[in-house]
N, C-alpha and C. Protein backbone atom coordinates (compact mmCIF):
# COMPACT_ATOMS: atom_id res chain seq x y z
N MET A 1 34.24 -22.11 91.14
CA MET A 1 33.67 -22.39 89.38
C MET A 1 34.25 -23.96 89.24
N LYS A 2 34.84 -24.56 89.75
CA LYS A 2 35.29 -25.84 89.53
C LYS A 2 34.26 -27.09 90.01
N GLU A 3 33.92 -26.51 91.40
CA GLU A 3 32.87 -27.56 92.26
C GLU A 3 31.78 -27.55 91.54
N ARG A 4 31.30 -25.83 91.23
CA ARG A 4 29.87 -25.66 90.30
C ARG A 4 29.73 -26.87 89.09
N LEU A 5 31.02 -26.63 88.24
CA LEU A 5 31.14 -27.61 86.97
C LEU A 5 30.72 -29.00 87.28
N LYS A 6 31.34 -29.65 88.46
CA LYS A 6 31.07 -30.72 88.79
C LYS A 6 29.67 -31.04 89.30
N LYS A 7 28.82 -30.28 89.67
CA LYS A 7 27.70 -30.23 90.57
C LYS A 7 26.41 -30.55 88.79
N ILE A 8 26.94 -29.60 87.92
CA ILE A 8 26.38 -29.72 86.83
C ILE A 8 26.39 -30.76 86.34
N LEU A 9 27.85 -31.47 86.31
CA LEU A 9 27.48 -32.68 85.56
C LEU A 9 26.97 -33.68 86.41
N VAL A 10 26.95 -33.61 87.78
CA VAL A 10 26.13 -34.76 88.61
C VAL A 10 24.74 -34.73 88.46
N ILE A 11 24.37 -33.55 88.20
CA ILE A 11 22.76 -33.25 87.87
C ILE A 11 22.54 -33.58 86.53
N LEU A 12 23.30 -33.28 85.28
CA LEU A 12 22.77 -34.05 84.29
C LEU A 12 22.86 -35.58 83.94
N SER A 13 23.95 -35.98 85.29
CA SER A 13 24.16 -37.29 84.47
C SER A 13 23.08 -38.08 85.03
N GLU A 14 22.46 -37.42 86.31
CA GLU A 14 21.55 -38.15 87.22
C GLU A 14 20.04 -37.66 86.50
N SER A 15 19.85 -36.94 85.47
CA SER A 15 18.76 -37.04 85.10
C SER A 15 18.30 -37.22 84.02
N LYS A 16 16.98 -38.13 84.14
CA LYS A 16 16.44 -39.03 83.22
C LYS A 16 15.73 -38.35 82.07
N GLY A 17 16.09 -36.98 81.78
CA GLY A 17 15.73 -36.08 80.48
C GLY A 17 16.26 -34.95 80.65
N PRO A 18 16.06 -33.86 79.78
CA PRO A 18 16.59 -32.86 79.63
C PRO A 18 16.62 -31.87 80.76
N VAL A 19 17.64 -31.00 81.26
CA VAL A 19 17.31 -30.06 82.54
C VAL A 19 17.56 -28.77 81.95
N LYS A 20 16.28 -27.80 82.26
CA LYS A 20 16.27 -26.32 81.80
C LYS A 20 17.75 -25.63 82.46
N GLY A 21 18.08 -24.73 81.38
CA GLY A 21 19.50 -23.73 82.28
C GLY A 21 18.88 -22.99 83.29
N LYS A 22 17.58 -22.57 82.86
CA LYS A 22 16.86 -21.92 84.20
C LYS A 22 17.18 -22.77 85.56
N ASP A 23 16.33 -23.78 85.53
CA ASP A 23 16.52 -25.24 86.35
C ASP A 23 17.90 -25.12 87.32
N LEU A 24 18.85 -25.06 86.37
CA LEU A 24 20.38 -25.47 86.75
C LEU A 24 20.76 -24.23 87.58
N ALA A 25 20.32 -22.79 86.98
CA ALA A 25 20.77 -21.49 87.68
C ALA A 25 20.03 -21.62 89.11
N GLU A 26 18.71 -22.03 89.00
CA GLU A 26 18.11 -22.00 90.48
C GLU A 26 18.90 -23.02 91.41
N MET A 27 19.14 -24.26 90.90
CA MET A 27 19.44 -25.29 92.04
C MET A 27 20.87 -24.50 92.60
N LEU A 28 21.78 -23.94 91.49
CA LEU A 28 23.11 -23.60 91.75
C LEU A 28 23.20 -22.40 92.36
N GLY A 29 22.16 -21.41 92.73
CA GLY A 29 22.48 -20.32 92.93
C GLY A 29 23.23 -19.10 92.36
N VAL A 30 23.19 -19.48 90.84
CA VAL A 30 23.76 -18.43 90.17
C VAL A 30 22.52 -17.91 89.05
N SER A 31 23.09 -17.07 87.99
CA SER A 31 22.57 -16.44 86.97
C SER A 31 22.23 -17.52 85.63
N ARG A 32 21.16 -17.37 84.54
CA ARG A 32 21.20 -18.31 83.66
C ARG A 32 22.56 -18.20 82.71
N GLN A 33 23.00 -16.90 82.72
CA GLN A 33 24.17 -16.53 81.77
C GLN A 33 25.50 -17.40 82.47
N ILE A 34 25.53 -17.38 83.83
CA ILE A 34 26.81 -18.36 84.30
C ILE A 34 26.75 -19.61 83.79
N ILE A 35 25.37 -20.25 83.92
CA ILE A 35 25.07 -21.75 83.19
C ILE A 35 25.47 -21.82 81.88
N VAL A 36 25.25 -20.89 80.79
CA VAL A 36 25.37 -20.68 79.74
C VAL A 36 27.11 -20.80 79.43
N GLN A 37 28.04 -20.15 80.48
CA GLN A 37 29.44 -20.00 80.09
C GLN A 37 29.60 -21.41 81.20
N ASP A 38 29.37 -22.14 82.05
CA ASP A 38 29.79 -23.29 82.36
C ASP A 38 29.38 -24.24 81.48
N ILE A 39 28.44 -24.50 80.78
CA ILE A 39 28.12 -25.55 79.97
C ILE A 39 29.04 -25.55 78.48
N SER A 40 29.46 -24.01 78.21
CA SER A 40 30.64 -24.01 77.42
C SER A 40 31.96 -24.30 77.52
N VAL A 41 32.06 -24.15 78.91
CA VAL A 41 33.51 -24.58 79.23
C VAL A 41 33.41 -25.90 79.58
N LEU A 42 32.72 -26.65 79.78
CA LEU A 42 32.15 -27.97 79.80
C LEU A 42 32.29 -28.86 78.69
N LYS A 43 31.98 -28.14 77.66
CA LYS A 43 32.06 -28.75 76.19
C LYS A 43 33.48 -28.46 75.94
N THR A 44 33.81 -27.60 76.01
CA THR A 44 35.11 -27.53 75.55
C THR A 44 36.20 -28.71 76.41
N LYS A 45 35.61 -29.05 77.57
CA LYS A 45 36.48 -29.87 78.23
C LYS A 45 36.52 -31.41 77.99
N GLY A 46 35.68 -31.48 76.48
CA GLY A 46 35.37 -32.64 76.32
C GLY A 46 33.84 -33.43 76.65
N HIS A 47 33.21 -33.08 77.57
CA HIS A 47 31.88 -33.63 77.80
C HIS A 47 30.92 -32.99 76.89
N LYS A 48 30.01 -34.08 76.40
CA LYS A 48 29.37 -34.22 75.49
C LYS A 48 27.95 -33.70 75.74
N ILE A 49 27.83 -32.74 75.90
CA ILE A 49 26.54 -31.55 76.55
C ILE A 49 25.77 -31.43 75.19
N PHE A 50 24.45 -31.67 75.35
CA PHE A 50 23.73 -30.87 73.84
C PHE A 50 22.80 -29.97 74.67
N SER A 51 22.40 -29.07 73.65
CA SER A 51 21.51 -28.08 73.86
C SER A 51 20.11 -28.43 73.32
N THR A 52 19.33 -28.60 73.72
CA THR A 52 17.97 -29.25 73.16
C THR A 52 16.70 -27.86 73.09
N ARG A 53 15.68 -27.99 72.82
CA ARG A 53 14.42 -26.91 73.04
C ARG A 53 13.79 -27.35 74.61
N ASP A 54 14.51 -28.64 74.80
CA ASP A 54 13.81 -29.01 76.47
C ASP A 54 15.03 -28.68 77.69
N GLY A 55 16.05 -28.50 76.96
CA GLY A 55 17.19 -28.00 77.75
C GLY A 55 18.15 -28.72 77.83
N TYR A 56 19.30 -29.05 78.79
CA TYR A 56 20.56 -29.82 78.18
C TYR A 56 20.58 -31.06 78.69
N ILE A 57 21.62 -31.63 77.80
CA ILE A 57 21.48 -33.13 77.78
C ILE A 57 23.03 -33.80 77.93
N LEU A 58 23.32 -34.92 78.54
CA LEU A 58 24.67 -35.23 78.81
C LEU A 58 24.82 -36.65 78.61
N GLU A 59 25.26 -36.76 77.21
CA GLU A 59 25.27 -38.19 76.61
C GLU A 59 25.88 -39.07 77.76
N LYS A 60 25.31 -40.11 77.97
CA LYS A 60 25.62 -40.91 78.78
C LYS A 60 26.07 -42.17 78.08
N LYS A 61 27.05 -42.97 78.71
CA LYS A 61 27.42 -43.74 77.68
C LYS A 61 26.93 -45.21 77.90
N LYS A 62 26.22 -45.81 77.33
CA LYS A 62 25.11 -46.84 76.82
C LYS A 62 25.87 -47.59 75.80
N ASP A 63 25.39 -48.58 75.95
CA ASP A 63 25.39 -50.04 74.82
C ASP A 63 24.38 -49.89 73.95
N PHE A 64 24.58 -49.36 72.48
CA PHE A 64 23.67 -48.91 71.57
C PHE A 64 24.27 -49.06 70.35
N ILE A 65 23.66 -49.29 69.50
CA ILE A 65 23.97 -48.86 68.15
C ILE A 65 23.37 -47.88 67.61
N ARG A 66 24.34 -47.07 66.55
CA ARG A 66 24.15 -45.69 65.95
C ARG A 66 24.55 -46.18 64.65
N LYS A 67 23.79 -45.28 63.63
CA LYS A 67 23.84 -45.38 62.32
C LYS A 67 23.35 -43.71 61.76
N MET A 68 24.57 -43.69 60.67
CA MET A 68 23.77 -42.10 59.91
C MET A 68 22.94 -42.82 58.83
N ILE A 69 21.97 -42.31 58.39
CA ILE A 69 20.75 -42.80 57.22
C ILE A 69 20.73 -41.37 56.47
N ALA A 70 20.79 -41.43 55.28
CA ALA A 70 20.49 -40.63 54.12
C ALA A 70 19.03 -40.87 53.50
N VAL A 71 18.09 -39.99 53.84
CA VAL A 71 16.70 -40.19 53.39
C VAL A 71 16.45 -39.06 52.62
N LYS A 72 15.31 -39.54 51.82
CA LYS A 72 14.47 -38.28 50.93
C LYS A 72 13.16 -38.57 51.14
N HIS A 73 12.37 -37.56 51.66
CA HIS A 73 10.76 -37.54 51.49
C HIS A 73 10.53 -36.18 51.63
N SER A 74 9.14 -35.90 51.48
CA SER A 74 8.26 -34.83 51.46
C SER A 74 8.10 -34.70 53.10
N GLU A 75 7.77 -33.08 52.95
CA GLU A 75 7.11 -32.58 54.43
C GLU A 75 6.07 -33.54 55.41
N ASP A 76 5.25 -34.03 54.52
CA ASP A 76 4.10 -34.39 54.58
C ASP A 76 4.55 -36.01 55.06
N GLU A 77 5.36 -36.46 55.21
CA GLU A 77 5.92 -37.65 55.63
C GLU A 77 7.03 -37.62 56.64
N ILE A 78 6.83 -36.62 57.06
CA ILE A 78 7.94 -36.67 58.29
C ILE A 78 7.59 -37.49 59.51
N TYR A 79 6.08 -37.03 59.75
CA TYR A 79 5.53 -38.15 60.73
C TYR A 79 5.74 -39.30 61.18
N ASP A 80 5.22 -39.84 59.29
CA ASP A 80 5.55 -41.25 58.99
C ASP A 80 6.70 -41.73 59.53
N GLU A 81 7.72 -41.08 58.89
CA GLU A 81 9.36 -41.38 59.42
C GLU A 81 9.48 -41.59 60.63
N LEU A 82 9.17 -40.69 61.51
CA LEU A 82 9.40 -40.59 63.08
C LEU A 82 8.77 -41.90 63.46
N LEU A 83 7.00 -42.05 63.24
CA LEU A 83 6.61 -43.11 63.96
C LEU A 83 7.23 -44.38 63.59
N LYS A 84 7.57 -44.56 62.06
CA LYS A 84 8.46 -45.85 61.91
C LYS A 84 9.49 -46.24 62.88
N VAL A 85 10.38 -45.15 62.89
CA VAL A 85 11.79 -45.42 63.71
C VAL A 85 11.32 -45.89 65.23
N VAL A 86 10.57 -44.86 65.80
CA VAL A 86 10.00 -45.31 66.91
C VAL A 86 9.28 -46.15 67.41
N LYS A 87 8.29 -46.61 66.48
CA LYS A 87 7.31 -47.80 67.10
C LYS A 87 8.46 -49.05 66.69
N ALA A 88 9.64 -48.90 65.85
CA ALA A 88 10.21 -50.11 65.90
C ALA A 88 11.19 -50.15 66.94
N GLY A 89 11.40 -49.10 67.60
CA GLY A 89 12.03 -49.36 68.94
C GLY A 89 13.26 -48.58 68.89
N GLY A 90 13.36 -47.79 68.09
CA GLY A 90 14.46 -46.99 67.80
C GLY A 90 14.33 -45.37 68.39
N LYS A 91 15.81 -44.28 68.17
CA LYS A 91 15.54 -43.22 68.51
C LYS A 91 16.23 -41.96 67.52
N VAL A 92 15.67 -41.09 67.11
CA VAL A 92 15.99 -40.06 65.94
C VAL A 92 16.99 -38.66 66.95
N ILE A 93 17.91 -39.04 66.78
CA ILE A 93 19.04 -38.33 67.65
C ILE A 93 19.06 -36.81 66.92
N ASP A 94 19.10 -36.75 65.69
CA ASP A 94 18.97 -35.54 65.05
C ASP A 94 18.64 -35.67 63.48
N VAL A 95 18.70 -34.41 63.08
CA VAL A 95 18.71 -33.97 61.52
C VAL A 95 19.83 -33.09 60.97
N ILE A 96 20.64 -33.82 59.87
CA ILE A 96 21.19 -32.56 59.01
C ILE A 96 21.20 -32.43 57.41
N VAL A 97 21.46 -31.45 57.30
CA VAL A 97 21.02 -31.11 55.99
C VAL A 97 22.48 -30.38 55.12
N GLU A 98 22.45 -30.52 54.23
CA GLU A 98 23.97 -29.74 53.72
C GLU A 98 22.95 -28.52 52.47
N HIS A 99 23.90 -27.31 53.19
CA HIS A 99 23.29 -26.34 52.59
C HIS A 99 24.26 -25.40 52.03
N PRO A 100 24.12 -25.10 50.82
CA PRO A 100 25.38 -24.59 49.53
C PRO A 100 25.76 -23.32 50.04
N LEU A 101 25.32 -22.57 51.17
CA LEU A 101 26.08 -21.16 51.56
C LEU A 101 26.60 -21.85 52.73
N TYR A 102 25.77 -22.58 53.82
CA TYR A 102 26.31 -22.31 55.15
C TYR A 102 26.73 -23.93 55.57
N GLY A 103 27.04 -24.66 54.23
CA GLY A 103 27.37 -26.06 55.06
C GLY A 103 26.32 -26.99 55.53
N GLU A 104 26.98 -27.51 56.80
CA GLU A 104 26.47 -28.60 57.18
C GLU A 104 25.49 -27.86 58.33
N ILE A 105 23.85 -28.18 58.18
CA ILE A 105 23.51 -27.46 59.58
C ILE A 105 22.55 -28.85 60.33
N ASN A 106 22.89 -28.62 61.65
CA ASN A 106 22.38 -29.86 62.25
C ASN A 106 21.34 -29.56 62.98
N GLY A 107 20.24 -30.11 63.47
CA GLY A 107 19.06 -29.94 64.68
C GLY A 107 19.21 -31.38 65.58
N ARG A 108 18.97 -30.91 66.59
CA ARG A 108 19.48 -32.14 67.82
C ARG A 108 17.63 -32.00 67.73
N LEU A 109 17.17 -33.66 67.82
CA LEU A 109 15.90 -34.05 67.57
C LEU A 109 15.34 -34.91 69.13
N ASP A 110 16.06 -35.95 69.48
CA ASP A 110 16.03 -36.81 70.46
C ASP A 110 14.40 -37.10 70.13
N ILE A 111 14.30 -37.84 69.41
CA ILE A 111 12.87 -38.21 69.69
C ILE A 111 12.59 -39.96 69.71
N ALA A 112 12.06 -40.18 70.76
CA ALA A 112 12.47 -41.86 71.19
C ALA A 112 11.00 -42.61 71.89
N THR A 113 10.06 -41.49 71.71
CA THR A 113 8.74 -41.84 72.13
C THR A 113 7.10 -41.59 71.25
N LEU A 114 6.87 -42.02 70.93
CA LEU A 114 5.35 -41.92 70.69
C LEU A 114 4.84 -40.20 71.26
N ASP A 115 5.00 -39.94 72.18
CA ASP A 115 4.70 -38.35 72.85
C ASP A 115 5.74 -37.62 72.57
N ASP A 116 6.70 -38.35 71.97
CA ASP A 116 8.08 -36.94 71.44
C ASP A 116 7.95 -37.13 70.01
N VAL A 117 7.21 -37.56 69.19
CA VAL A 117 6.49 -37.67 67.80
C VAL A 117 5.55 -36.65 68.07
N ALA A 118 4.47 -36.97 68.74
CA ALA A 118 3.34 -35.64 68.95
C ALA A 118 3.86 -34.49 69.03
N LYS A 119 4.56 -34.27 70.29
CA LYS A 119 5.40 -33.00 70.83
C LYS A 119 5.87 -32.28 69.69
N PHE A 120 6.87 -33.17 68.61
CA PHE A 120 7.75 -32.56 67.57
C PHE A 120 6.24 -31.98 66.48
N MET A 121 6.04 -32.89 66.22
CA MET A 121 4.72 -32.76 65.11
C MET A 121 4.07 -31.13 65.63
N ALA A 122 3.36 -31.43 66.61
CA ALA A 122 2.81 -30.04 67.40
C ALA A 122 3.70 -28.89 67.26
N LEU A 123 4.71 -28.82 67.71
CA LEU A 123 5.47 -27.52 67.56
C LEU A 123 5.90 -27.26 66.37
N MET A 124 6.11 -28.24 65.25
CA MET A 124 6.54 -27.57 64.24
C MET A 124 5.20 -27.33 63.46
N LYS A 125 4.21 -27.52 63.76
CA LYS A 125 2.95 -27.27 63.15
C LYS A 125 2.41 -25.30 63.97
N SER A 126 3.07 -25.52 65.34
CA SER A 126 2.28 -24.53 66.02
C SER A 126 3.39 -23.10 65.75
N SER A 127 4.81 -23.65 65.47
CA SER A 127 5.68 -22.59 65.11
C SER A 127 5.78 -22.09 63.76
N ASN A 128 5.19 -22.63 62.86
CA ASN A 128 5.23 -22.73 61.63
C ASN A 128 6.51 -22.55 61.44
N ALA A 129 7.48 -23.03 61.50
CA ALA A 129 8.80 -22.99 60.84
C ALA A 129 9.05 -24.11 59.62
N THR A 130 9.86 -23.81 59.26
CA THR A 130 10.41 -24.50 57.97
C THR A 130 10.92 -25.61 58.24
N PRO A 131 10.88 -27.27 58.06
CA PRO A 131 11.53 -28.19 58.51
C PRO A 131 13.08 -27.93 57.42
N LEU A 132 13.89 -28.41 58.23
CA LEU A 132 15.43 -28.48 57.92
C LEU A 132 15.16 -29.10 56.06
N LEU A 133 14.54 -30.26 56.02
CA LEU A 133 14.21 -30.91 54.65
C LEU A 133 13.72 -29.94 53.42
N LYS A 134 12.86 -29.22 53.48
CA LYS A 134 13.22 -28.09 53.03
C LYS A 134 14.25 -27.14 52.01
N LEU A 135 15.10 -27.20 52.91
CA LEU A 135 16.42 -26.45 52.58
C LEU A 135 16.77 -27.56 51.31
N SER A 136 16.99 -28.91 51.36
CA SER A 136 17.55 -29.62 50.79
C SER A 136 16.74 -30.69 50.07
N GLY A 137 15.59 -29.95 49.66
CA GLY A 137 14.99 -31.24 48.40
C GLY A 137 14.42 -32.20 49.16
N GLY A 138 14.37 -32.46 50.25
CA GLY A 138 13.62 -33.63 51.18
C GLY A 138 14.97 -34.58 51.35
N VAL A 139 16.25 -34.15 51.03
CA VAL A 139 17.38 -34.97 51.36
C VAL A 139 17.96 -34.53 52.59
N HIS A 140 18.05 -35.27 53.36
CA HIS A 140 18.61 -35.10 55.00
C HIS A 140 18.88 -36.25 55.52
N ILE A 141 19.96 -36.00 56.76
CA ILE A 141 20.18 -37.27 56.93
C ILE A 141 20.02 -37.33 58.49
N HIS A 142 19.77 -38.50 59.14
CA HIS A 142 19.16 -38.52 60.58
C HIS A 142 20.63 -39.57 61.21
N THR A 143 20.76 -39.48 62.23
CA THR A 143 21.63 -40.17 63.08
C THR A 143 20.48 -41.20 64.14
N ILE A 144 20.47 -42.57 64.12
CA ILE A 144 19.47 -43.39 64.55
C ILE A 144 20.31 -44.09 65.78
N GLU A 145 19.67 -44.57 66.73
CA GLU A 145 19.91 -45.03 67.65
C GLU A 145 18.96 -46.22 68.07
N ALA A 146 19.85 -47.46 68.17
CA ALA A 146 18.86 -48.40 68.85
C ALA A 146 19.45 -49.48 69.79
N PRO A 147 18.51 -50.13 70.62
CA PRO A 147 19.50 -51.07 71.50
C PRO A 147 20.28 -52.29 71.11
N ASN A 148 19.86 -52.71 69.76
CA ASN A 148 20.75 -53.82 69.65
C ASN A 148 20.31 -54.11 67.61
N LYS A 149 21.70 -55.10 67.25
CA LYS A 149 21.20 -54.82 65.55
C LYS A 149 20.07 -55.18 65.27
N GLU A 150 19.44 -56.25 66.16
CA GLU A 150 17.75 -56.61 65.43
C GLU A 150 17.04 -55.39 65.26
N VAL A 151 17.02 -54.77 66.33
CA VAL A 151 16.03 -53.45 66.45
C VAL A 151 16.31 -52.33 65.06
N MET A 152 17.95 -52.06 64.90
CA MET A 152 18.50 -51.54 63.90
C MET A 152 17.96 -51.95 62.62
N GLU A 153 18.02 -53.19 62.29
CA GLU A 153 17.20 -54.02 61.32
C GLU A 153 15.94 -53.70 60.98
N LYS A 154 15.31 -53.79 61.79
CA LYS A 154 13.69 -53.81 61.75
C LYS A 154 13.53 -52.39 61.70
N ILE A 155 14.48 -50.97 62.24
CA ILE A 155 14.01 -49.59 61.92
C ILE A 155 14.66 -49.37 60.32
N LEU A 156 15.70 -49.87 59.68
CA LEU A 156 16.02 -50.16 58.18
C LEU A 156 15.28 -50.12 56.96
N GLU A 157 14.18 -51.59 57.65
CA GLU A 157 13.43 -52.25 56.78
C GLU A 157 11.96 -51.07 57.06
N ALA A 158 11.91 -50.94 58.01
CA ALA A 158 10.42 -49.89 57.80
C ALA A 158 10.61 -48.43 57.07
N LEU A 159 12.31 -48.17 57.15
CA LEU A 159 12.53 -47.17 56.47
C LEU A 159 13.18 -47.25 55.10
N LYS A 160 12.67 -48.47 54.60
CA LYS A 160 13.16 -48.67 53.15
C LYS A 160 12.78 -47.60 52.04
N ASP A 161 11.39 -47.18 52.08
CA ASP A 161 10.99 -46.43 51.13
C ASP A 161 11.80 -44.80 51.00
N TYR A 162 12.33 -44.47 52.07
CA TYR A 162 13.01 -43.31 52.19
C TYR A 162 14.21 -43.52 52.40
N LEU A 163 14.78 -44.85 52.37
CA LEU A 163 16.35 -44.51 52.38
C LEU A 163 17.26 -44.30 51.17
N LEU A 164 18.34 -43.39 51.33
CA LEU A 164 19.23 -43.23 50.08
C LEU A 164 20.27 -44.02 50.28
N GLU A 165 21.05 -43.97 51.54
CA GLU A 165 22.32 -44.82 52.07
C GLU A 165 22.23 -45.04 53.69
N VAL A 166 22.74 -46.09 53.77
CA VAL A 166 23.38 -46.10 55.35
C VAL A 166 24.61 -45.90 55.61
N LYS A 167 25.05 -45.57 56.83
CA LYS A 167 26.69 -44.94 57.31
C LYS A 167 26.76 -45.91 58.59
N LYS A 168 27.54 -46.62 58.89
CA LYS A 168 28.10 -46.64 60.31
C LYS A 168 27.91 -46.06 61.13
């Protein structure tokens, strides 16, 4: 098992994008359920592994700036919001809403390209899923990532009509 955990970390760290659990299982000759268990073990050991709709991602150490921003807008403005971040050179890591019954609800997004925006919007439309912002009257939080201070300032300027608060 120890060797398999190391192999999973190597595969995820060398990957340029998400790796599906099914693919990990095939590469390592185990079941998908074993991969789910191994990922849980790795998470408890402190490895920052995220499950996304496209597979597993290991957070890599990089030089970047992250800020949490509180925003408010309608469902019709989701595309515009995501487009502004990406066109300014940033990445939308996640979305968080505060729910009166369940507390904080977090959804991993990882939207960094125009293609990511298009895929997300297509999935939102085809799935008929309710966006999290609908649970909170349009108010939600995003973790935004930028390669440097200048790009972060450009992102915040682009989002000024939606911004409620910026946290470090």
